[in-house]
Each structure stands twice: as C-alpha cells, then as structure tokens.
Protein backbone atom coordinates (compact mmCIF):
# COMPACT_ATOMS: atom_id res chain seq x y z
CA MET A 1 120.27 148.73 254.01
CA PHE A 2 119.87 149.37 250.29
CA GLY A 3 116.24 150.34 250.82
CA LYS A 4 117.19 153.43 252.80
CA PHE A 5 119.98 154.24 250.35
CA GLY A 6 117.56 153.89 247.44
CA ASP A 7 115.05 156.15 249.20
CA MET A 8 117.76 158.74 249.78
CA MET A 9 118.90 158.59 246.14
CA GLY A 10 115.31 158.99 244.97
CA LYS A 11 114.87 162.00 247.25
CA LEU A 12 118.10 163.56 245.95
CA GLN A 13 117.00 163.04 242.35
CA GLU A 14 113.64 164.62 243.14
CA MET A 15 115.39 167.60 244.78
CA LYS A 16 117.63 168.06 241.73
CA GLN A 17 114.62 168.00 239.43
CA LYS A 18 112.82 170.59 241.57
CA ALA A 19 115.94 172.79 241.67
CA ASP A 20 116.20 172.59 237.86
CA GLU A 21 112.53 173.59 237.56
CA ILE A 22 113.06 176.55 239.88
CA LYS A 23 116.17 177.63 237.94
CA LEU A 24 114.14 177.64 234.72
CA LYS A 25 111.35 179.57 236.42
CA LEU A 26 113.84 182.14 237.74
CA ASP A 27 115.44 182.45 234.28
CA ASN A 28 112.00 183.43 233.01
CA THR A 29 111.18 185.78 235.91
CA THR A 30 112.15 189.36 235.12
CA LEU A 31 112.25 192.26 237.53
CA THR A 32 112.52 195.91 236.55
CA VAL A 33 114.16 198.29 238.99
CA GLU A 34 114.30 202.06 238.52
CA GLY A 35 116.78 204.52 239.93
CA ALA A 36 117.67 208.19 239.66
CA GLY A 37 114.01 209.16 239.65
CA GLY A 38 113.22 206.78 236.79
CA ASP A 39 116.13 207.90 234.62
CA ILE A 40 117.80 204.50 234.99
CA LYS A 41 115.91 201.26 234.38
CA ILE A 42 117.44 197.83 234.87
CA THR A 43 115.76 194.56 233.95
CA ILE A 44 117.21 191.51 235.72
CA THR A 45 116.13 187.87 235.97
CA GLY A 46 115.48 185.97 239.17
CA ASN A 47 118.83 184.27 238.51
CA ARG A 48 120.57 187.66 238.58
CA ASP A 49 121.28 188.00 234.86
CA ILE A 50 120.96 191.61 233.70
CA LYS A 51 118.82 191.69 230.57
CA SER A 52 118.74 195.42 229.89
CA LEU A 53 120.02 198.74 231.15
CA VAL A 54 118.36 201.95 230.00
CA ILE A 55 119.73 205.40 230.81
CA SER A 56 117.69 208.48 229.91
CA ASP A 57 119.25 211.11 227.71
CA ALA A 58 119.17 213.57 230.61
CA LEU A 59 121.70 211.52 232.57
CA GLN A 60 123.95 210.78 229.62
CA HIS A 61 125.01 214.41 229.29
CA GLY A 62 125.41 215.14 232.97
CA ASN A 63 128.09 214.57 235.54
CA LYS A 64 130.04 211.33 234.95
CA GLU A 65 130.54 210.67 238.68
CA GLU A 66 126.84 211.17 239.42
CA LEU A 67 125.90 208.75 236.64
CA GLU A 68 128.36 206.15 237.95
CA GLU A 69 126.98 206.53 241.48
CA GLN A 70 123.36 206.24 240.33
CA LEU A 71 124.19 203.17 238.23
CA THR A 72 125.91 201.50 241.18
CA VAL A 73 122.98 202.20 243.51
CA THR A 74 120.42 200.97 240.99
CA LEU A 75 122.40 197.85 240.06
CA ASN A 76 122.77 196.95 243.72
CA ARG A 77 119.02 197.39 244.27
CA ALA A 78 118.26 195.20 241.26
CA ILE A 79 120.63 192.47 242.46
CA LYS A 80 119.17 192.63 245.98
CA LYS A 81 115.64 192.28 244.61
CA ALA A 82 116.68 189.34 242.41
CA ASN A 83 118.40 187.70 245.41
CA GLU A 84 115.19 187.98 247.44
CA VAL A 85 113.11 186.36 244.69
CA ASN A 86 115.75 183.64 244.21
CA ASP A 87 116.04 182.91 247.94
CA ASN A 88 112.26 182.72 248.37
CA GLU A 89 111.90 180.23 245.52
CA MET A 90 114.71 178.04 246.83
CA LYS A 91 113.31 178.09 250.38
CA GLN A 92 109.95 176.91 249.09
CA VAL A 93 111.57 173.95 247.36
CA ALA A 94 113.72 173.11 250.39
CA SER A 95 110.84 173.30 252.84
CA GLY A 96 108.69 171.10 250.62
CA MET A 97 111.41 168.50 250.23
CA LEU A 98 113.09 168.65 253.63
CA PRO A 99 110.67 169.68 256.36
CA GLY A 100 112.26 171.89 258.99
CA LEU A 101 114.45 173.84 256.55
CA GLY A 102 111.85 176.46 255.54
C-alpha cells in the first residue's frame, strides 16, 4: 500500500521539479513582437511578463485612438505568442511525465 503511495509522491515531486525548471526557462525566454509596421515593439517573456514597450516617435504625435488600437492589437499578439510558447513547454513536461497527456 505505502509502496504505491511512495511512488506517487515521488512522481509528484519530480513533476513539481520539472515545472519549476520550465518556469525558470520561460522566465528567461524573451519574445519580441512588432506592430503598426514596426512602430511598436513589445518584449515579453514566456511567462507573459512584459519586459519592454517601445513606441516610435512617429506614433507618439499621431492620433491617440489609433495609438491605443495599435497597442491593444500588438499586446494581444505578444500575449498570444507567449501563451503558445508556455503551453508547448508545459505539454512537453506533461507528456514526458504522464504518457497520454501530450
């Protein structure tokens, strides 16, 4: 009885360690997404933390609503890209630890 429980606890500990390793890897993975023809650049980590946002001078003096729209579009693209990287990393860990989940 305790043998199976011990095996399960060991597997859970191993999964937690792998998840922590992936989180660290994703913290150190940066993605750069451009929008508005390159006038907006967003750098985001694989864990969806925005590290930088650069707006060209050309957009800063233009239409406020257009800038807000372009920022929203670009931020959403950056978050989507980070989600894809994050999901792929987590699936790899899950499939390696729990066959049939990948």
